[in-house]
Amino acid sequence: MHPARTPDEKTLALWYELGRLYSGAGGGGQRATKLGFTVVCVVGALVLLSAPLFGTAWAGPFAPAMPVGAGLLSGGGLLLRERSRLRRHARTLRRMLAERGLDAERPAREGLGAYYDAQLILLRSEYEYLRLRGAGKTARRFEESFGFTQEDPFETGPLNVAPDTEEMRLLRERWERRLSMRRERGMEPPTLGLREDIAYRVFPREMTVPVELATRRAYLTISRELLLKRYGRGLRGKEGCMPEALRRRVERDLEEYAALTRRPARRSRGGARAGPPQ
């Protein structure tokens, strides 16, 4: 769900392309590591297999280092190529956004119109988790970037909002107002880039089905972790101590988490949730 003030289609496409680019960059290190490891294994096997045919004199004292060197060159070369391609593509997208009067390093500077509800719930859940962990400096970046505050009527562990609801619309409007007030006072949000996006997915994402499922799974994982911290690993015997509305929220989060992670939901004999998935 988008608010009424949604950027035009071409602007949205640029933001989503930048988000996809940063999302793909997060796996570049893993791909380079896998390639390097594969090359180490292959070259190492070739060196060993060549010994009965040619002996080891041809490699000399460098035989042990050859597989490692080949792996480093292959993996490092792939990583450098991917990062170079990323920088070129990102530079082009930043220029095109700048031509529209937008700052590609401050994606929410003009508002939250490019963000779907599901991603805002994830970002607000990340903010809550950061505060509880005492990561105040990073939490303040979320406040200055997206308009979040500790006083927001938002809860996770369990969640009290869902995408495309009236409650979420009111929260979005609250955050938009705070961002607007900051702009009127000349207060610039902090810059965001690849590092922040890899850690927290801060740039707008187009909600394709796979992205939406991954986003929901991420914010429900945070909710589940907070449930475990607050109520322990079992809720058996605690249902009677919970207000009915809270109990329903707990069940809803755990059931959706179980469905998204393909874990069966266990229930007590009374029909209530016996405990969070292990």
C-alpha atoms as a PDB file:
ATOM      1  CA  MET A   1       0.000   0.000   0.000  1.00  0.00           C
ATOM      2  CA  HIS A   2       1.257   3.484  -0.942  1.00  0.00           C
ATOM      3  CA  PRO A   3      -0.004   6.812   0.393  1.00  0.00           C
ATOM      4  CA  ALA A   4      -1.798   9.313  -1.808  1.00  0.00           C
ATOM      5  CA  ARG A   5       1.486  11.198  -2.413  1.00  0.00           C
ATOM      6  CA  THR A   6       3.182   8.486  -4.428  1.00  0.00           C
ATOM      7  CA  PRO A   7       6.058   9.428  -6.774  1.00  0.00           C
ATOM      8  CA  ASP A   8       5.453   9.016 -10.482  1.00  0.00           C
ATOM      9  CA  GLU A   9       6.073   5.655 -12.142  1.00  0.00           C
ATOM     10  CA  LYS A  10       9.477   6.545 -13.579  1.00  0.00           C
ATOM     11  CA  THR A  11      10.740   7.807 -10.233  1.00  0.00           C
ATOM     12  CA  LEU A  12       9.486   4.666  -8.506  1.00  0.00           C
ATOM     13  CA  ALA A  13      11.230   2.538 -11.127  1.00  0.00           C
ATOM     14  CA  LEU A  14      14.540   4.316 -10.410  1.00  0.00           C
ATOM     15  CA  TRP A  15      14.236   3.814  -6.650  1.00  0.00           C
ATOM     16  CA  TYR A  16      13.306   0.154  -7.062  1.00  0.00           C
ATOM     17  CA  GLU A  17      16.154  -0.432  -9.491  1.00  0.00           C
ATOM     18  CA  LEU A  18      18.581   1.034  -6.954  1.00  0.00           C
ATOM     19  CA  GLY A  19      17.083  -1.190  -4.262  1.00  0.00           C
ATOM     20  CA  ARG A  20      17.461  -4.282  -6.454  1.00  0.00           C
ATOM     21  CA  LEU A  21      21.044  -3.312  -7.232  1.00  0.00           C
ATOM     22  CA  TYR A  22      21.952  -2.994  -3.560  1.00  0.00           C
ATOM     23  CA  SER A  23      20.072  -6.184  -2.726  1.00  0.00           C
ATOM     24  CA  GLY A  24      22.071  -8.137  -5.308  1.00  0.00           C
ATOM     25  CA  ALA A  25      25.332  -6.617  -4.057  1.00  0.00           C
ATOM     26  CA  GLY A  26      24.745  -8.210  -0.666  1.00  0.00           C
ATOM     27  CA  GLY A  27      25.424 -11.655  -2.122  1.00  0.00           C
ATOM     28  CA  GLY A  28      28.558 -10.633  -4.034  1.00  0.00           C
ATOM     29  CA  GLY A  29      30.892 -11.633  -1.226  1.00  0.00           C
ATOM     30  CA  GLN A  30      29.272 -15.053  -0.921  1.00  0.00           C
ATOM     31  CA  ARG A  31      29.563 -15.701  -4.653  1.00  0.00           C
ATOM     32  CA  ALA A  32      33.223 -14.679  -4.626  1.00  0.00           C
ATOM     33  CA  THR A  33      33.912 -16.919  -1.620  1.00  0.00           C
ATOM     34  CA  LYS A  34      32.226 -19.902  -3.262  1.00  0.00           C
ATOM     35  CA  LEU A  35      34.163 -19.390  -6.495  1.00  0.00           C
ATOM     36  CA  GLY A  36      37.453 -19.026  -4.620  1.00  0.00           C
ATOM     37  CA  PHE A  37      36.818 -22.174  -2.578  1.00  0.00           C
ATOM     38  CA  THR A  38      35.888 -24.141  -5.715  1.00  0.00           C
ATOM     39  CA  VAL A  39      39.067 -23.019  -7.487  1.00  0.00           C
ATOM     40  CA  VAL A  40      41.191 -23.955  -4.452  1.00  0.00           C
ATOM     41  CA  CYS A  41      39.705 -27.467  -4.469  1.00  0.00           C
ATOM     42  CA  VAL A  42      40.087 -27.931  -8.235  1.00  0.00           C
ATOM     43  CA  VAL A  43      43.665 -26.626  -8.427  1.00  0.00           C
ATOM     44  CA  GLY A  44      44.637 -28.580  -5.331  1.00  0.00           C
ATOM     45  CA  ALA A  45      43.260 -31.778  -6.888  1.00  0.00           C
ATOM     46  CA  LEU A  46      45.110 -31.096 -10.160  1.00  0.00           C
ATOM     47  CA  VAL A  47      48.398 -30.558  -8.328  1.00  0.00           C
ATOM     48  CA  LEU A  48      47.966 -33.845  -6.466  1.00  0.00           C
ATOM     49  CA  LEU A  49      46.957 -35.739  -9.605  1.00  0.00           C
ATOM     50  CA  SER A  50      49.940 -34.389 -11.522  1.00  0.00           C
ATOM     51  CA  ALA A  51      52.443 -35.754  -9.005  1.00  0.00           C
ATOM     52  CA  PRO A  52      52.392 -39.405 -10.273  1.00  0.00           C
ATOM     53  CA  LEU A  53      52.787 -38.218 -13.886  1.00  0.00           C
ATOM     54  CA  PHE A  54      55.197 -35.295 -13.643  1.00  0.00           C
ATOM     55  CA  GLY A  55      56.466 -35.404 -10.089  1.00  0.00           C
ATOM     56  CA  THR A  56      56.458 -32.273  -7.934  1.00  0.00           C
ATOM     57  CA  ALA A  57      59.642 -30.665  -9.212  1.00  0.00           C
ATOM     58  CA  TRP A  58      57.735 -28.568 -11.765  1.00  0.00           C
ATOM     59  CA  ALA A  59      55.883 -26.781  -8.961  1.00  0.00           C
ATOM     60  CA  GLY A  60      58.820 -26.635  -6.593  1.00  0.00           C
ATOM     61  CA  PRO A  61      58.223 -25.031  -3.197  1.00  0.00           C
ATOM     62  CA  PHE A  62      55.179 -23.187  -4.560  1.00  0.00           C
ATOM     63  CA  ALA A  63      53.005 -26.316  -4.805  1.00  0.00           C
ATOM     64  CA  PRO A  64      51.182 -25.762  -1.485  1.00  0.00           C
ATOM     65  CA  ALA A  65      50.543 -22.098  -2.284  1.00  0.00           C
ATOM     66  CA  MET A  66      49.259 -22.579  -5.834  1.00  0.00           C
ATOM     67  CA  PRO A  67      45.662 -23.604  -4.953  1.00  0.00           C
ATOM     68  CA  VAL A  68      45.314 -20.804  -2.407  1.00  0.00           C
ATOM     69  CA  GLY A  69      46.745 -18.220  -4.798  1.00  0.00           C
ATOM     70  CA  ALA A  70      44.468 -19.328  -7.626  1.00  0.00           C
ATOM     71  CA  GLY A  71      41.446 -19.191  -5.309  1.00  0.00           C
ATOM     72  CA  LEU A  72      42.304 -15.703  -4.081  1.00  0.00           C
ATOM     73  CA  LEU A  73      42.801 -14.418  -7.615  1.00  0.00           C
ATOM     74  CA  SER A  74      39.537 -15.952  -8.871  1.00  0.00           C
ATOM     75  CA  GLY A  75      37.361 -14.907  -5.932  1.00  0.00           C
ATOM     76  CA  GLY A  76      38.974 -11.494  -5.594  1.00  0.00           C
ATOM     77  CA  GLY A  77      38.703 -10.853  -9.325  1.00  0.00           C
ATOM     78  CA  LEU A  78      34.997 -11.697  -9.328  1.00  0.00           C
ATOM     79  CA  LEU A  79      34.360  -9.455  -6.325  1.00  0.00           C
ATOM     80  CA  LEU A  80      36.225  -6.538  -7.904  1.00  0.00           C
ATOM     81  CA  ARG A  81      34.324  -6.923 -11.193  1.00  0.00           C
ATOM     82  CA  GLU A  82      30.961  -7.021  -9.449  1.00  0.00           C
ATOM     83  CA  ARG A  83      31.764  -4.011  -7.257  1.00  0.00           C
ATOM     84  CA  SER A  84      32.968  -2.067 -10.307  1.00  0.00           C
ATOM     85  CA  ARG A  85      29.734  -2.869 -12.157  1.00  0.00           C
ATOM     86  CA  LEU A  86      27.734  -1.901  -9.050  1.00  0.00           C
ATOM     87  CA  ARG A  87      29.465   1.478  -8.764  1.00  0.00           C
ATOM     88  CA  ARG A  88      28.886   2.294 -12.434  1.00  0.00           C
ATOM     89  CA  HIS A  89      25.206   1.328 -12.339  1.00  0.00           C
ATOM     90  CA  ALA A  90      24.613   3.105  -9.014  1.00  0.00           C
ATOM     91  CA  ARG A  91      26.307   6.247 -10.341  1.00  0.00           C
ATOM     92  CA  THR A  92      23.947   6.265 -13.314  1.00  0.00           C
ATOM     93  CA  LEU A  93      20.863   5.825 -11.111  1.00  0.00           C
ATOM     94  CA  ARG A  94      22.028   8.538  -8.697  1.00  0.00           C
ATOM     95  CA  ARG A  95      22.463  10.945 -11.609  1.00  0.00           C
ATOM     96  CA  MET A  96      18.987  10.171 -12.970  1.00  0.00           C
ATOM     97  CA  LEU A  97      17.424  10.695  -9.533  1.00  0.00           C
ATOM     98  CA  ALA A  98      19.346  13.951  -9.104  1.00  0.00           C
ATOM     99  CA  GLU A  99      17.904  15.163 -12.418  1.00  0.00           C
ATOM    100  CA  ARG A 100      14.469  14.760 -10.791  1.00  0.00           C
ATOM    101  CA  GLY A 101      15.547  16.785  -7.763  1.00  0.00           C
ATOM    102  CA  LEU A 102      16.023  13.727  -5.522  1.00  0.00           C
ATOM    103  CA  ASP A 103      18.957  12.718  -3.337  1.00  0.00           C
ATOM    104  CA  ALA A 104      19.800   9.051  -3.914  1.00  0.00           C
ATOM    105  CA  GLU A 105      21.559   8.873  -0.537  1.00  0.00           C
ATOM    106  CA  ARG A 106      18.442  10.064   1.322  1.00  0.00           C
ATOM    107  CA  PRO A 107      15.615   7.883  -0.036  1.00  0.00           C
ATOM    108  CA  ALA A 108      12.947   9.136   2.411  1.00  0.00           C
ATOM    109  CA  ARG A 109      13.936  12.816   2.321  1.00  0.00           C
ATOM    110  CA  GLU A 110      10.813  13.786   0.346  1.00  0.00           C
ATOM    111  CA  GLY A 111       8.533  11.305   2.095  1.00  0.00           C
ATOM    112  CA  LEU A 112       7.695   7.625   2.268  1.00  0.00           C
ATOM    113  CA  GLY A 113       5.775   7.364  -0.995  1.00  0.00           C
ATOM    114  CA  ALA A 114       8.166   4.805  -2.507  1.00  0.00           C
ATOM    115  CA  TYR A 115       7.842   2.443   0.476  1.00  0.00           C
ATOM    116  CA  TYR A 116       5.209  -0.268   0.771  1.00  0.00           C
ATOM    117  CA  ASP A 117       3.601  -0.960   4.143  1.00  0.00           C
ATOM    118  CA  ALA A 118       5.393  -4.284   4.575  1.00  0.00           C
ATOM    119  CA  GLN A 119       8.819  -2.646   4.285  1.00  0.00           C
ATOM    120  CA  LEU A 120       7.874   0.140   6.689  1.00  0.00           C
ATOM    121  CA  ILE A 121       6.778  -2.479   9.233  1.00  0.00           C
ATOM    122  CA  LEU A 122      10.152  -4.193   8.827  1.00  0.00           C
ATOM    123  CA  LEU A 123      12.074  -0.927   9.205  1.00  0.00           C
ATOM    124  CA  ARG A 124      10.063   0.082  12.288  1.00  0.00           C
ATOM    125  CA  SER A 125      10.619  -3.413  13.752  1.00  0.00           C
ATOM    126  CA  GLU A 126      14.364  -3.078  13.126  1.00  0.00           C
ATOM    127  CA  TYR A 127      14.274   0.278  14.913  1.00  0.00           C
ATOM    128  CA  GLU A 128      12.508  -1.279  17.903  1.00  0.00           C
ATOM    129  CA  TYR A 129      15.012  -4.131  18.037  1.00  0.00           C
ATOM    130  CA  LEU A 130      17.956  -1.712  17.838  1.00  0.00           C
ATOM    131  CA  ARG A 131      16.576   0.328  20.748  1.00  0.00           C
ATOM    132  CA  LEU A 132      16.114  -2.750  22.914  1.00  0.00           C
ATOM    133  CA  ARG A 133      19.704  -3.801  22.158  1.00  0.00           C
ATOM    134  CA  GLY A 134      20.971  -0.375  23.193  1.00  0.00           C
ATOM    135  CA  ALA A 135      22.174   0.550  19.683  1.00  0.00           C
ATOM    136  CA  GLY A 136      21.176   4.172  20.163  1.00  0.00           C
ATOM    137  CA  LYS A 137      23.345   5.689  17.437  1.00  0.00           C
ATOM    138  CA  THR A 138      21.912   3.451  14.710  1.00  0.00           C
ATOM    139  CA  ALA A 139      18.386   3.857  16.089  1.00  0.00           C
ATOM    140  CA  ARG A 140      18.720   7.642  15.786  1.00  0.00           C
ATOM    141  CA  ARG A 141      19.572   7.226  12.090  1.00  0.00           C
ATOM    142  CA  PHE A 142      16.219   5.467  11.685  1.00  0.00           C
ATOM    143  CA  GLU A 143      14.460   8.297  13.512  1.00  0.00           C
ATOM    144  CA  GLU A 144      16.094  10.971  11.347  1.00  0.00           C
ATOM    145  CA  SER A 145      15.652   8.998   8.113  1.00  0.00           C
ATOM    146  CA  PHE A 146      12.078   7.701   8.452  1.00  0.00           C
ATOM    147  CA  GLY A 147      10.396   9.821  11.114  1.00  0.00           C
ATOM    148  CA  PHE A 148      10.167   7.062  13.731  1.00  0.00           C
ATOM    149  CA  THR A 149       9.898   7.890  17.441  1.00  0.00           C
ATOM    150  CA  GLN A 150       9.811   5.853  20.627  1.00  0.00           C
ATOM    151  CA  GLU A 151       6.273   7.151  21.234  1.00  0.00           C
ATOM    152  CA  ASP A 152       4.846   5.672  18.021  1.00  0.00           C
ATOM    153  CA  PRO A 153       1.733   3.523  18.624  1.00  0.00           C
ATOM    154  CA  PHE A 154       3.659   0.597  17.136  1.00  0.00           C
ATOM    155  CA  GLU A 155       4.432  -2.676  18.872  1.00  0.00           C
ATOM    156  CA  THR A 156       6.270  -5.816  17.849  1.00  0.00           C
ATOM    157  CA  GLY A 157       6.641  -9.063  19.749  1.00  0.00           C
ATOM    158  CA  PRO A 158       3.705  -9.339  19.025  1.00  0.00           C
ATOM    159  CA  LEU A 159       2.886  -6.903  16.216  1.00  0.00           C
ATOM    160  CA  ASN A 160      -0.116  -4.639  16.611  1.00  0.00           C
ATOM    161  CA  VAL A 161      -0.300  -3.589  12.932  1.00  0.00           C
ATOM    162  CA  ALA A 162      -0.440  -5.271   9.547  1.00  0.00           C
ATOM    163  CA  PRO A 163      -0.030  -3.997   5.971  1.00  0.00           C
ATOM    164  CA  ASP A 164      -2.991  -2.322   4.281  1.00  0.00           C
ATOM    165  CA  THR A 165      -4.859  -1.486   7.474  1.00  0.00           C
ATOM    166  CA  GLU A 166      -6.197   1.722   8.966  1.00  0.00           C
ATOM    167  CA  GLU A 167      -3.668   1.479  11.808  1.00  0.00           C
ATOM    168  CA  MET A 168      -0.820   1.335   9.322  1.00  0.00           C
ATOM    169  CA  ARG A 169      -2.227   4.277   7.368  1.00  0.00           C
ATOM    170  CA  LEU A 170      -2.263   6.396  10.531  1.00  0.00           C
ATOM    171  CA  LEU A 171       1.300   5.404  11.381  1.00  0.00           C
ATOM    172  CA  ARG A 172       2.464   6.286   7.873  1.00  0.00           C
ATOM    173  CA  GLU A 173       0.816   9.696   8.139  1.00  0.00           C
ATOM    174  CA  ARG A 174       2.465  10.257  11.520  1.00  0.00           C
ATOM    175  CA  TRP A 175       5.927   9.480  10.096  1.00  0.00           C
ATOM    176  CA  GLU A 176       5.276  11.620   7.022  1.00  0.00           C
ATOM    177  CA  ARG A 177       4.329  14.587   9.236  1.00  0.00           C
ATOM    178  CA  ARG A 178       7.528  14.242  11.230  1.00  0.00           C
ATOM    179  CA  LEU A 179       9.641  14.108   8.067  1.00  0.00           C
ATOM    180  CA  SER A 180       7.795  17.169   6.738  1.00  0.00           C
ATOM    181  CA  MET A 181       8.492  19.077   9.967  1.00  0.00           C
ATOM    182  CA  ARG A 182      12.179  18.224   9.708  1.00  0.00           C
ATOM    183  CA  ARG A 183      12.278  19.514   6.105  1.00  0.00           C
ATOM    184  CA  GLU A 184      10.568  22.773   7.132  1.00  0.00           C
ATOM    185  CA  ARG A 185      13.238  23.286   9.783  1.00  0.00           C
ATOM    186  CA  GLY A 186      16.018  22.639   7.270  1.00  0.00           C
ATOM    187  CA  MET A 187      17.094  19.398   8.986  1.00  0.00           C
ATOM    188  CA  GLU A 188      18.686  16.942   6.564  1.00  0.00           C
ATOM    189  CA  PRO A 189      18.407  13.180   7.164  1.00  0.00           C
ATOM    190  CA  PRO A 190      21.666  11.209   7.343  1.00  0.00           C
ATOM    191  CA  THR A 191      23.073   9.702   4.168  1.00  0.00           C
ATOM    192  CA  LEU A 192      22.423   6.020   3.514  1.00  0.00           C
ATOM    193  CA  GLY A 193      24.263   3.684   1.183  1.00  0.00           C
ATOM    194  CA  LEU A 194      25.170   0.123   0.375  1.00  0.00           C
ATOM    195  CA  ARG A 195      26.422  -0.746   3.859  1.00  0.00           C
ATOM    196  CA  GLU A 196      23.195   0.357   5.552  1.00  0.00           C
ATOM    197  CA  ASP A 197      21.071  -1.367   2.920  1.00  0.00           C
ATOM    198  CA  ILE A 198      22.891  -4.692   3.303  1.00  0.00           C
ATOM    199  CA  ALA A 199      22.333  -4.491   7.066  1.00  0.00           C
ATOM    200  CA  TYR A 200      18.748  -3.170   7.212  1.00  0.00           C
ATOM    201  CA  ARG A 201      17.235  -2.961   3.670  1.00  0.00           C
ATOM    202  CA  VAL A 202      16.694   0.792   3.945  1.00  0.00           C
ATOM    203  CA  PHE A 203      16.180   1.569   0.247  1.00  0.00           C
ATOM    204  CA  PRO A 204      12.712   1.160  -1.291  1.00  0.00           C
ATOM    205  CA  ARG A 205      11.842  -2.301  -2.610  1.00  0.00           C
ATOM    206  CA  GLU A 206       9.232  -3.212  -5.162  1.00  0.00           C
ATOM    207  CA  MET A 207       6.924  -5.722  -3.515  1.00  0.00           C
ATOM    208  CA  THR A 208       7.066  -8.650  -5.882  1.00  0.00           C
ATOM    209  CA  VAL A 209       5.754 -11.857  -4.338  1.00  0.00           C
ATOM    210  CA  PRO A 210       9.232 -13.204  -3.362  1.00  0.00           C
ATOM    211  CA  VAL A 211      10.282  -9.832  -1.916  1.00  0.00           C
ATOM    212  CA  GLU A 212       7.055  -9.465   0.050  1.00  0.00           C
ATOM    213  CA  LEU A 213       7.378 -12.971   1.503  1.00  0.00           C
ATOM    214  CA  ALA A 214      10.997 -12.310   2.483  1.00  0.00           C
ATOM    215  CA  THR A 215      10.007  -8.968   4.040  1.00  0.00           C
ATOM    216  CA  ARG A 216       7.178 -10.502   6.061  1.00  0.00           C
ATOM    217  CA  ARG A 217       9.448 -13.330   7.171  1.00  0.00           C
ATOM    218  CA  ALA A 218      12.048 -10.788   8.333  1.00  0.00           C
ATOM    219  CA  TYR A 219       9.700  -8.694  10.476  1.00  0.00           C
ATOM    220  CA  LEU A 220       7.991 -11.770  11.902  1.00  0.00           C
ATOM    221  CA  THR A 221      11.409 -13.155  12.841  1.00  0.00           C
ATOM    222  CA  ILE A 222      12.035 -10.001  14.880  1.00  0.00           C
ATOM    223  CA  SER A 223       8.592 -10.293  16.477  1.00  0.00           C
ATOM    224  CA  ARG A 224       9.234 -13.940  17.366  1.00  0.00           C
ATOM    225  CA  GLU A 225      12.634 -13.145  18.890  1.00  0.00           C
ATOM    226  CA  LEU A 226      11.089 -10.464  21.067  1.00  0.00           C
ATOM    227  CA  LEU A 227       8.292 -12.837  22.076  1.00  0.00           C
ATOM    228  CA  LEU A 228      10.918 -15.350  23.234  1.00  0.00           C
ATOM    229  CA  LYS A 229      12.669 -12.650  25.268  1.00  0.00           C
ATOM    230  CA  ARG A 230       9.466 -11.463  26.903  1.00  0.00           C
ATOM    231  CA  TYR A 231       7.558 -14.685  27.496  1.00  0.00           C
ATOM    232  CA  GLY A 232      10.162 -17.455  27.364  1.00  0.00           C
ATOM    233  CA  ARG A 233      10.282 -20.464  25.068  1.00  0.00           C
ATOM    234  CA  GLY A 234       6.861 -21.735  26.085  1.00  0.00           C
ATOM    235  CA  LEU A 235       3.541 -19.981  26.476  1.00  0.00           C
ATOM    236  CA  ARG A 236       1.726 -22.995  28.006  1.00  0.00           C
ATOM    237  CA  GLY A 237      -0.046 -21.938  31.140  1.00  0.00           C
ATOM    238  CA  LYS A 238       0.384 -18.237  30.387  1.00  0.00           C
ATOM    239  CA  GLU A 239      -2.638 -17.811  28.125  1.00  0.00           C
ATOM    240  CA  GLY A 240      -4.926 -17.107  31.050  1.00  0.00           C
ATOM    241  CA  CYS A 241      -2.684 -14.252  32.172  1.00  0.00           C
ATOM    242  CA  MET A 242      -2.899 -12.530  28.797  1.00  0.00           C
ATOM    243  CA  PRO A 243      -5.661 -10.230  27.642  1.00  0.00           C
ATOM    244  CA  GLU A 244      -7.621 -11.787  24.792  1.00  0.00           C
ATOM    245  CA  ALA A 245      -6.452  -9.195  22.254  1.00  0.00           C
ATOM    246  CA  LEU A 246      -2.783  -9.822  23.134  1.00  0.00           C
ATOM    247  CA  ARG A 247      -3.237 -13.596  22.959  1.00  0.00           C
ATOM    248  CA  ARG A 248      -4.747 -13.307  19.469  1.00  0.00           C
ATOM    249  CA  ARG A 249      -1.829 -11.154  18.304  1.00  0.00           C
ATOM    250  CA  VAL A 250       0.690 -13.663  19.669  1.00  0.00           C
ATOM    251  CA  GLU A 251      -1.073 -16.528  17.899  1.00  0.00           C
ATOM    252  CA  ARG A 252      -1.341 -14.587  14.644  1.00  0.00           C
ATOM    253  CA  ASP A 253       2.383 -13.755  14.549  1.00  0.00           C
ATOM    254  CA  LEU A 254       3.506 -17.269  15.415  1.00  0.00           C
ATOM    255  CA  GLU A 255       1.125 -18.919  12.960  1.00  0.00           C
ATOM    256  CA  GLU A 256       2.197 -16.627  10.114  1.00  0.00           C
ATOM    257  CA  TYR A 257       5.858 -17.142  11.003  1.00  0.00           C
ATOM    258  CA  ALA A 258       5.336 -20.908  11.008  1.00  0.00           C
ATOM    259  CA  ALA A 259       3.610 -20.768   7.621  1.00  0.00           C
ATOM    260  CA  LEU A 260       6.374 -18.670   6.066  1.00  0.00           C
ATOM    261  CA  THR A 261       9.141 -20.872   7.451  1.00  0.00           C
ATOM    262  CA  ARG A 262       7.254 -24.126   6.805  1.00  0.00           C
ATOM    263  CA  ARG A 263       7.198 -25.039  10.470  1.00  0.00           C
ATOM    264  CA  PRO A 264       4.016 -26.710  11.756  1.00  0.00           C
ATOM    265  CA  ALA A 265       2.134 -24.780  14.392  1.00  0.00           C
ATOM    266  CA  ARG A 266       1.864 -26.694  17.677  1.00  0.00           C
ATOM    267  CA  ARG A 267      -1.212 -26.136  19.801  1.00  0.00           C
ATOM    268  CA  SER A 268      -2.110 -27.062  23.336  1.00  0.00           C
ATOM    269  CA  ARG A 269      -5.063 -29.337  24.047  1.00  0.00           C
ATOM    270  CA  GLY A 270      -7.209 -26.297  24.621  1.00  0.00           C
ATOM    271  CA  GLY A 271      -6.541 -25.081  21.093  1.00  0.00           C
ATOM    272  CA  ALA A 272      -4.219 -22.236  22.101  1.00  0.00           C
ATOM    273  CA  ARG A 273      -0.609 -21.948  20.993  1.00  0.00           C
ATOM    274  CA  ALA A 274       1.628 -24.130  23.144  1.00  0.00           C
ATOM    275  CA  GLY A 275       4.746 -22.102  22.491  1.00  0.00           C
ATOM    276  CA  PRO A 276       6.829 -20.439  19.831  1.00  0.00           C
ATOM    277  CA  PRO A 277       8.431 -22.612  17.175  1.00  0.00           C
ATOM    278  CA  GLN A 278      11.752 -23.893  18.363  1.00  0.00           C
END
